[in-house]
ModelCIF file with pLDDT and N, C-alpha, C, O atoms, coordinates in Angstrom:
data_MODEL
#
_entry.id   MODEL 
#
_entity.id                         1 
_entity.type                       polymer 
_entity.pdbx_number_of_molecules   1 
#
_entity_poly.entity_id                      1 
_entity_poly.type                           'polypeptide(L)' 
_entity_poly.nstd_linkage                   no 
_entity_poly.nstd_monomer                   no 
_entity_poly.pdbx_seq_one_letter_code       KSESIDLALNIFAPRPASELLRTLNRDGRLIVAF 
_entity_poly.pdbx_seq_one_letter_code_can   KSESIDLALNIFAPRPASELLRTLNRDGRLIVAF 
_entity_poly.pdbx_strand_id                 A 
#
loop_
_entity_poly_seq.entity_id 
_entity_poly_seq.num 
_entity_poly_seq.mon_id 
_entity_poly_seq.hetero 
1 1  LYS n 
1 2  SER n 
1 3  GLU n 
1 4  SER n 
1 5  ILE n 
1 6  ASP n 
1 7  LEU n 
1 8  ALA n 
1 9  LEU n 
1 10 ASN n 
1 11 ILE n 
1 12 PHE n 
1 13 ALA n 
1 14 PRO n 
1 15 ARG n 
1 16 PRO n 
1 17 ALA n 
1 18 SER n 
1 19 GLU n 
1 20 LEU n 
1 21 LEU n 
1 22 ARG n 
1 23 THR n 
1 24 LEU n 
1 25 ASN n 
1 26 ARG n 
1 27 ASP n 
1 28 GLY n 
1 29 ARG n 
1 30 LEU n 
1 31 ILE n 
1 32 VAL n 
1 33 ALA n 
1 34 PHE n 
#
_struct_asym.id          A 
_struct_asym.entity_id   1 
#
loop_
_ma_qa_metric.id 
_ma_qa_metric.mode 
_ma_qa_metric.name 
_ma_qa_metric.software_group_id 
_ma_qa_metric.type 
1 global pLDDT . pLDDT 
2 local  pLDDT . pLDDT 
#
_ma_qa_metric_global.metric_id      1 
_ma_qa_metric_global.metric_value   93.59 
_ma_qa_metric_global.model_id       1 
_ma_qa_metric_global.ordinal_id     1 
#
loop_
_ma_qa_metric_local.label_asym_id 
_ma_qa_metric_local.label_comp_id 
_ma_qa_metric_local.label_seq_id 
_ma_qa_metric_local.metric_id 
_ma_qa_metric_local.metric_value 
_ma_qa_metric_local.model_id 
_ma_qa_metric_local.ordinal_id 
A LYS 1  2 92.00 1 1  
A SER 2  2 95.00 1 2  
A GLU 3  2 95.00 1 3  
A SER 4  2 93.00 1 4  
A ILE 5  2 93.00 1 5  
A ASP 6  2 95.00 1 6  
A LEU 7  2 95.00 1 7  
A ALA 8  2 93.00 1 8  
A LEU 9  2 93.00 1 9  
A ASN 10 2 92.00 1 10 
A ILE 11 2 91.00 1 11 
A PHE 12 2 87.00 1 12 
A ALA 13 2 86.00 1 13 
A PRO 14 2 86.00 1 14 
A ARG 15 2 89.00 1 15 
A PRO 16 2 90.00 1 16 
A ALA 17 2 93.00 1 17 
A SER 18 2 92.00 1 18 
A GLU 19 2 93.00 1 19 
A LEU 20 2 94.00 1 20 
A LEU 21 2 95.00 1 21 
A ARG 22 2 95.00 1 22 
A THR 23 2 94.00 1 23 
A LEU 24 2 96.00 1 24 
A ASN 25 2 96.00 1 25 
A ARG 26 2 95.00 1 26 
A ASP 27 2 96.00 1 27 
A GLY 28 2 97.00 1 28 
A ARG 29 2 98.00 1 29 
A LEU 30 2 97.00 1 30 
A ILE 31 2 98.00 1 31 
A VAL 32 2 97.00 1 32 
A ALA 33 2 96.00 1 33 
A PHE 34 2 95.00 1 34 
#
loop_
_atom_site.group_PDB 
_atom_site.id 
_atom_site.type_symbol 
_atom_site.label_atom_id 
_atom_site.label_alt_id 
_atom_site.label_comp_id 
_atom_site.label_asym_id 
_atom_site.label_entity_id 
_atom_site.label_seq_id 
_atom_site.pdbx_PDB_ins_code 
_atom_site.Cartn_x 
_atom_site.Cartn_y 
_atom_site.Cartn_z 
_atom_site.occupancy 
_atom_site.B_iso_or_equiv 
_atom_site.pdbx_formal_charge 
_atom_site.auth_seq_id 
_atom_site.auth_comp_id 
_atom_site.auth_asym_id 
_atom_site.auth_atom_id 
_atom_site.pdbx_PDB_model_num 
ATOM 1   N N  . LYS A 1 1  ? 8.322   7.398  -3.752 1.00 92.00 ? 1  LYS A N  1 
ATOM 2   C CA . LYS A 1 1  ? 9.590   6.776  -3.388 1.00 92.00 ? 1  LYS A CA 1 
ATOM 3   C C  . LYS A 1 1  ? 9.333   5.444  -2.697 1.00 92.00 ? 1  LYS A C  1 
ATOM 4   O O  . LYS A 1 1  ? 8.282   5.242  -2.088 1.00 92.00 ? 1  LYS A O  1 
ATOM 5   N N  . SER A 1 2  ? 10.286  4.553  -2.796 1.00 95.00 ? 2  SER A N  1 
ATOM 6   C CA . SER A 1 2  ? 10.178  3.280  -2.094 1.00 95.00 ? 2  SER A CA 1 
ATOM 7   C C  . SER A 1 2  ? 10.122  3.523  -0.591 1.00 95.00 ? 2  SER A C  1 
ATOM 8   O O  . SER A 1 2  ? 10.824  4.383  -0.059 1.00 95.00 ? 2  SER A O  1 
ATOM 9   N N  . GLU A 1 3  ? 9.280   2.754  0.076  1.00 95.00 ? 3  GLU A N  1 
ATOM 10  C CA . GLU A 1 3  ? 9.097   2.805  1.530  1.00 95.00 ? 3  GLU A CA 1 
ATOM 11  C C  . GLU A 1 3  ? 8.787   4.214  2.032  1.00 95.00 ? 3  GLU A C  1 
ATOM 12  O O  . GLU A 1 3  ? 9.269   4.619  3.089  1.00 95.00 ? 3  GLU A O  1 
ATOM 13  N N  . SER A 1 4  ? 7.984   4.958  1.276  1.00 93.00 ? 4  SER A N  1 
ATOM 14  C CA . SER A 1 4  ? 7.731   6.359  1.628  1.00 93.00 ? 4  SER A CA 1 
ATOM 15  C C  . SER A 1 4  ? 6.356   6.626  2.248  1.00 93.00 ? 4  SER A C  1 
ATOM 16  O O  . SER A 1 4  ? 6.074   7.752  2.658  1.00 93.00 ? 4  SER A O  1 
ATOM 17  N N  . ILE A 1 5  ? 5.510   5.613  2.320  1.00 93.00 ? 5  ILE A N  1 
ATOM 18  C CA . ILE A 1 5  ? 4.175   5.888  2.858  1.00 93.00 ? 5  ILE A CA 1 
ATOM 19  C C  . ILE A 1 5  ? 3.890   5.040  4.095  1.00 93.00 ? 5  ILE A C  1 
ATOM 20  O O  . ILE A 1 5  ? 4.371   3.916  4.237  1.00 93.00 ? 5  ILE A O  1 
ATOM 21  N N  . ASP A 1 6  ? 3.091   5.626  4.981  1.00 95.00 ? 6  ASP A N  1 
ATOM 22  C CA . ASP A 1 6  ? 2.702   4.946  6.221  1.00 95.00 ? 6  ASP A CA 1 
ATOM 23  C C  . ASP A 1 6  ? 1.419   4.151  6.061  1.00 95.00 ? 6  ASP A C  1 
ATOM 24  O O  . ASP A 1 6  ? 1.232   3.115  6.700  1.00 95.00 ? 6  ASP A O  1 
ATOM 25  N N  . LEU A 1 7  ? 0.541   4.644  5.202  1.00 95.00 ? 7  LEU A N  1 
ATOM 26  C CA . LEU A 1 7  ? -0.769  4.026  5.059  1.00 95.00 ? 7  LEU A CA 1 
ATOM 27  C C  . LEU A 1 7  ? -1.190  4.069  3.598  1.00 95.00 ? 7  LEU A C  1 
ATOM 28  O O  . LEU A 1 7  ? -1.215  5.133  2.979  1.00 95.00 ? 7  LEU A O  1 
ATOM 29  N N  . ALA A 1 8  ? -1.521  2.904  3.054  1.00 93.00 ? 8  ALA A N  1 
ATOM 30  C CA . ALA A 1 8  ? -2.051  2.809  1.695  1.00 93.00 ? 8  ALA A CA 1 
ATOM 31  C C  . ALA A 1 8  ? -3.509  2.379  1.791  1.00 93.00 ? 8  ALA A C  1 
ATOM 32  O O  . ALA A 1 8  ? -3.826  1.362  2.408  1.00 93.00 ? 8  ALA A O  1 
ATOM 33  N N  . LEU A 1 9  ? -4.388  3.154  1.182  1.00 93.00 ? 9  LEU A N  1 
ATOM 34  C CA . LEU A 1 9  ? -5.808  2.826  1.125  1.00 93.00 ? 9  LEU A CA 1 
ATOM 35  C C  . LEU A 1 9  ? -6.129  2.355  -0.283 1.00 93.00 ? 9  LEU A C  1 
ATOM 36  O O  . LEU A 1 9  ? -5.901  3.080  -1.251 1.00 93.00 ? 9  LEU A O  1 
ATOM 37  N N  . ASN A 1 10 ? -6.645  1.172  -0.397 1.00 92.00 ? 10 ASN A N  1 
ATOM 38  C CA . ASN A 1 10 ? -7.027  0.626  -1.689 1.00 92.00 ? 10 ASN A CA 1 
ATOM 39  C C  . ASN A 1 10 ? -8.521  0.361  -1.620 1.00 92.00 ? 10 ASN A C  1 
ATOM 40  O O  . ASN A 1 10 ? -8.964  -0.573 -0.952 1.00 92.00 ? 10 ASN A O  1 
ATOM 41  N N  . ILE A 1 11 ? -9.298  1.188  -2.315 1.00 91.00 ? 11 ILE A N  1 
ATOM 42  C CA . ILE A 1 11 ? -10.752 1.138  -2.195 1.00 91.00 ? 11 ILE A CA 1 
ATOM 43  C C  . ILE A 1 11 ? -11.356 0.784  -3.544 1.00 91.00 ? 11 ILE A C  1 
ATOM 44  O O  . ILE A 1 11 ? -11.322 1.577  -4.484 1.00 91.00 ? 11 ILE A O  1 
ATOM 45  N N  . PHE A 1 12 ? -11.907 -0.416 -3.623 1.00 87.00 ? 12 PHE A N  1 
ATOM 46  C CA . PHE A 1 12 ? -12.591 -0.886 -4.836 1.00 87.00 ? 12 PHE A CA 1 
ATOM 47  C C  . PHE A 1 12 ? -11.684 -0.751 -6.055 1.00 87.00 ? 12 PHE A C  1 
ATOM 48  O O  . PHE A 1 12 ? -12.136 -0.295 -7.106 1.00 87.00 ? 12 PHE A O  1 
ATOM 49  N N  . ALA A 1 13 ? -10.433 -1.135 -5.938 1.00 86.00 ? 13 ALA A N  1 
ATOM 50  C CA . ALA A 1 13 ? -9.480  -0.957 -7.041 1.00 86.00 ? 13 ALA A CA 1 
ATOM 51  C C  . ALA A 1 13 ? -8.575  -2.182 -7.145 1.00 86.00 ? 13 ALA A C  1 
ATOM 52  O O  . ALA A 1 13 ? -8.490  -2.972 -6.204 1.00 86.00 ? 13 ALA A O  1 
ATOM 53  N N  . PRO A 1 14 ? -7.908  -2.341 -8.268 1.00 86.00 ? 14 PRO A N  1 
ATOM 54  C CA . PRO A 1 14 ? -6.899  -3.409 -8.374 1.00 86.00 ? 14 PRO A CA 1 
ATOM 55  C C  . PRO A 1 14 ? -5.824  -3.211 -7.309 1.00 86.00 ? 14 PRO A C  1 
ATOM 56  O O  . PRO A 1 14 ? -5.620  -2.101 -6.817 1.00 86.00 ? 14 PRO A O  1 
ATOM 57  N N  . ARG A 1 15 ? -5.139  -4.301 -6.957 1.00 89.00 ? 15 ARG A N  1 
ATOM 58  C CA . ARG A 1 15 ? -4.145  -4.255 -5.879 1.00 89.00 ? 15 ARG A CA 1 
ATOM 59  C C  . ARG A 1 15 ? -2.824  -4.871 -6.332 1.00 89.00 ? 15 ARG A C  1 
ATOM 60  O O  . ARG A 1 15 ? -2.566  -6.039 -6.043 1.00 89.00 ? 15 ARG A O  1 
ATOM 61  N N  . PRO A 1 16 ? -1.994  -4.122 -7.027 1.00 90.00 ? 16 PRO A N  1 
ATOM 62  C CA . PRO A 1 16 ? -0.703  -4.684 -7.432 1.00 90.00 ? 16 PRO A CA 1 
ATOM 63  C C  . PRO A 1 16 ? 0.214   -4.802 -6.208 1.00 90.00 ? 16 PRO A C  1 
ATOM 64  O O  . PRO A 1 16 ? 0.816   -3.821 -5.772 1.00 90.00 ? 16 PRO A O  1 
ATOM 65  N N  . ALA A 1 17 ? 0.305   -5.998 -5.673 1.00 93.00 ? 17 ALA A N  1 
ATOM 66  C CA . ALA A 1 17 ? 1.035   -6.222 -4.423 1.00 93.00 ? 17 ALA A CA 1 
ATOM 67  C C  . ALA A 1 17 ? 2.467   -5.706 -4.480 1.00 93.00 ? 17 ALA A C  1 
ATOM 68  O O  . ALA A 1 17 ? 2.952   -5.137 -3.502 1.00 93.00 ? 17 ALA A O  1 
ATOM 69  N N  . SER A 1 18 ? 3.151   -5.892 -5.602 1.00 92.00 ? 18 SER A N  1 
ATOM 70  C CA . SER A 1 18 ? 4.560   -5.489 -5.674 1.00 92.00 ? 18 SER A CA 1 
ATOM 71  C C  . SER A 1 18 ? 4.728   -3.972 -5.520 1.00 92.00 ? 18 SER A C  1 
ATOM 72  O O  . SER A 1 18 ? 5.656   -3.519 -4.850 1.00 92.00 ? 18 SER A O  1 
ATOM 73  N N  . GLU A 1 19 ? 3.841   -3.191 -6.132 1.00 93.00 ? 19 GLU A N  1 
ATOM 74  C CA . GLU A 1 19 ? 3.937   -1.722 -6.026 1.00 93.00 ? 19 GLU A CA 1 
ATOM 75  C C  . GLU A 1 19 ? 3.508   -1.253 -4.643 1.00 93.00 ? 19 GLU A C  1 
ATOM 76  O O  . GLU A 1 19 ? 4.113   -0.339 -4.082 1.00 93.00 ? 19 GLU A O  1 
ATOM 77  N N  . LEU A 1 20 ? 2.483   -1.861 -4.097 1.00 94.00 ? 20 LEU A N  1 
ATOM 78  C CA . LEU A 1 20 ? 2.058   -1.491 -2.746 1.00 94.00 ? 20 LEU A CA 1 
ATOM 79  C C  . LEU A 1 20 ? 3.155   -1.822 -1.739 1.00 94.00 ? 20 LEU A C  1 
ATOM 80  O O  . LEU A 1 20 ? 3.419   -1.035 -0.830 1.00 94.00 ? 20 LEU A O  1 
ATOM 81  N N  . LEU A 1 21 ? 3.787   -2.969 -1.893 1.00 95.00 ? 21 LEU A N  1 
ATOM 82  C CA . LEU A 1 21 ? 4.881   -3.356 -1.002 1.00 95.00 ? 21 LEU A CA 1 
ATOM 83  C C  . LEU A 1 21 ? 6.074   -2.410 -1.162 1.00 95.00 ? 21 LEU A C  1 
ATOM 84  O O  . LEU A 1 21 ? 6.684   -2.008 -0.171 1.00 95.00 ? 21 LEU A O  1 
ATOM 85  N N  . ARG A 1 22 ? 6.402   -2.059 -2.388 1.00 95.00 ? 22 ARG A N  1 
ATOM 86  C CA . ARG A 1 22 ? 7.553   -1.173 -2.633 1.00 95.00 ? 22 ARG A CA 1 
ATOM 87  C C  . ARG A 1 22 ? 7.370   0.183  -1.955 1.00 95.00 ? 22 ARG A C  1 
ATOM 88  O O  . ARG A 1 22 ? 8.326   0.729  -1.404 1.00 95.00 ? 22 ARG A O  1 
ATOM 89  N N  . THR A 1 23 ? 6.175   0.724  -1.988 1.00 94.00 ? 23 THR A N  1 
ATOM 90  C CA . THR A 1 23 ? 5.957   2.082  -1.489 1.00 94.00 ? 23 THR A CA 1 
ATOM 91  C C  . THR A 1 23 ? 5.655   2.153  0.011  1.00 94.00 ? 23 THR A C  1 
ATOM 92  O O  . THR A 1 23 ? 5.824   3.210  0.620  1.00 94.00 ? 23 THR A O  1 
ATOM 93  N N  . LEU A 1 24 ? 5.221   1.069  0.603  1.00 96.00 ? 24 LEU A N  1 
ATOM 94  C CA . LEU A 1 24 ? 4.840   1.068  2.014  1.00 96.00 ? 24 LEU A CA 1 
ATOM 95  C C  . LEU A 1 24 ? 6.075   0.949  2.896  1.00 96.00 ? 24 LEU A C  1 
ATOM 96  O O  . LEU A 1 24 ? 6.924   0.089  2.664  1.00 96.00 ? 24 LEU A O  1 
ATOM 97  N N  . ASN A 1 25 ? 6.180   1.815  3.915  1.00 96.00 ? 25 ASN A N  1 
ATOM 98  C CA . ASN A 1 25 ? 7.348   1.731  4.793  1.00 96.00 ? 25 ASN A CA 1 
ATOM 99  C C  . ASN A 1 25 ? 7.261   0.489  5.685  1.00 96.00 ? 25 ASN A C  1 
ATOM 100 O O  . ASN A 1 25 ? 6.228   -0.179 5.729  1.00 96.00 ? 25 ASN A O  1 
ATOM 101 N N  . ARG A 1 26 ? 8.327   0.194  6.379  1.00 95.00 ? 26 ARG A N  1 
ATOM 102 C CA . ARG A 1 26 ? 8.446   -1.051 7.160  1.00 95.00 ? 26 ARG A CA 1 
ATOM 103 C C  . ARG A 1 26 ? 7.329   -1.241 8.182  1.00 95.00 ? 26 ARG A C  1 
ATOM 104 O O  . ARG A 1 26 ? 6.886   -2.367 8.409  1.00 95.00 ? 26 ARG A O  1 
ATOM 105 N N  . ASP A 1 27 ? 6.876   -0.169 8.792  1.00 96.00 ? 27 ASP A N  1 
ATOM 106 C CA . ASP A 1 27 ? 5.821   -0.254 9.808  1.00 96.00 ? 27 ASP A CA 1 
ATOM 107 C C  . ASP A 1 27 ? 4.458   0.170  9.272  1.00 96.00 ? 27 ASP A C  1 
ATOM 108 O O  . ASP A 1 27 ? 3.514   0.339  10.043 1.00 96.00 ? 27 ASP A O  1 
ATOM 109 N N  . GLY A 1 28 ? 4.350   0.342  7.965  1.00 97.00 ? 28 GLY A N  1 
ATOM 110 C CA . GLY A 1 28 ? 3.124   0.840  7.360  1.00 97.00 ? 28 GLY A CA 1 
ATOM 111 C C  . GLY A 1 28 ? 2.011   -0.200 7.317  1.00 97.00 ? 28 GLY A C  1 
ATOM 112 O O  . GLY A 1 28 ? 2.215   -1.382 7.592  1.00 97.00 ? 28 GLY A O  1 
ATOM 113 N N  . ARG A 1 29 ? 0.851   0.279  6.967  1.00 98.00 ? 29 ARG A N  1 
ATOM 114 C CA . ARG A 1 29 ? -0.330  -0.578 6.857  1.00 98.00 ? 29 ARG A CA 1 
ATOM 115 C C  . ARG A 1 29 ? -0.990  -0.383 5.494  1.00 98.00 ? 29 ARG A C  1 
ATOM 116 O O  . ARG A 1 29 ? -0.983  0.707  4.920  1.00 98.00 ? 29 ARG A O  1 
ATOM 117 N N  . LEU A 1 30 ? -1.544  -1.452 5.013  1.00 97.00 ? 30 LEU A N  1 
ATOM 118 C CA . LEU A 1 30 ? -2.340  -1.451 3.800  1.00 97.00 ? 30 LEU A CA 1 
ATOM 119 C C  . LEU A 1 30 ? -3.777  -1.765 4.203  1.00 97.00 ? 30 LEU A C  1 
ATOM 120 O O  . LEU A 1 30 ? -4.038  -2.785 4.841  1.00 97.00 ? 30 LEU A O  1 
ATOM 121 N N  . ILE A 1 31 ? -4.703  -0.890 3.832  1.00 98.00 ? 31 ILE A N  1 
ATOM 122 C CA . ILE A 1 31 ? -6.121  -1.116 4.082  1.00 98.00 ? 31 ILE A CA 1 
ATOM 123 C C  . ILE A 1 31 ? -6.803  -1.308 2.734  1.00 98.00 ? 31 ILE A C  1 
ATOM 124 O O  . ILE A 1 31 ? -6.718  -0.458 1.847  1.00 98.00 ? 31 ILE A O  1 
ATOM 125 N N  . VAL A 1 32 ? -7.479  -2.440 2.602  1.00 97.00 ? 32 VAL A N  1 
ATOM 126 C CA . VAL A 1 32 ? -8.156  -2.792 1.364  1.00 97.00 ? 32 VAL A CA 1 
ATOM 127 C C  . VAL A 1 32 ? -9.662  -2.865 1.640  1.00 97.00 ? 32 VAL A C  1 
ATOM 128 O O  . VAL A 1 32 ? -10.105 -3.606 2.517  1.00 97.00 ? 32 VAL A O  1 
ATOM 129 N N  . ALA A 1 33 ? -10.434 -2.094 0.886  1.00 96.00 ? 33 ALA A N  1 
ATOM 130 C CA . ALA A 1 33 ? -11.897 -2.130 0.992  1.00 96.00 ? 33 ALA A CA 1 
ATOM 131 C C  . ALA A 1 33 ? -12.454 -2.654 -0.326 1.00 96.00 ? 33 ALA A C  1 
ATOM 132 O O  . ALA A 1 33 ? -12.060 -2.204 -1.402 1.00 96.00 ? 33 ALA A O  1 
ATOM 133 N N  . PHE A 1 34 ? -13.362 -3.599 -0.232 1.00 95.00 ? 34 PHE A N  1 
ATOM 134 C CA . PHE A 1 34 ? -13.963 -4.183 -1.425 1.00 95.00 ? 34 PHE A CA 1 
ATOM 135 C C  . PHE A 1 34 ? -15.426 -4.516 -1.147 1.00 95.00 ? 34 PHE A C  1 
ATOM 136 O O  . PHE A 1 34 ? -16.122 -5.021 -2.028 1.00 95.00 ? 34 PHE A O  1 
#
């Protein structure tokens, strides 16, 4: 669901910003490891 997650972990993967933004809640964090 939109804005349904608190933390998105993206590890060695593509990063579609629009989908990550859609699913991350207002106070959520995105962690990207590369």
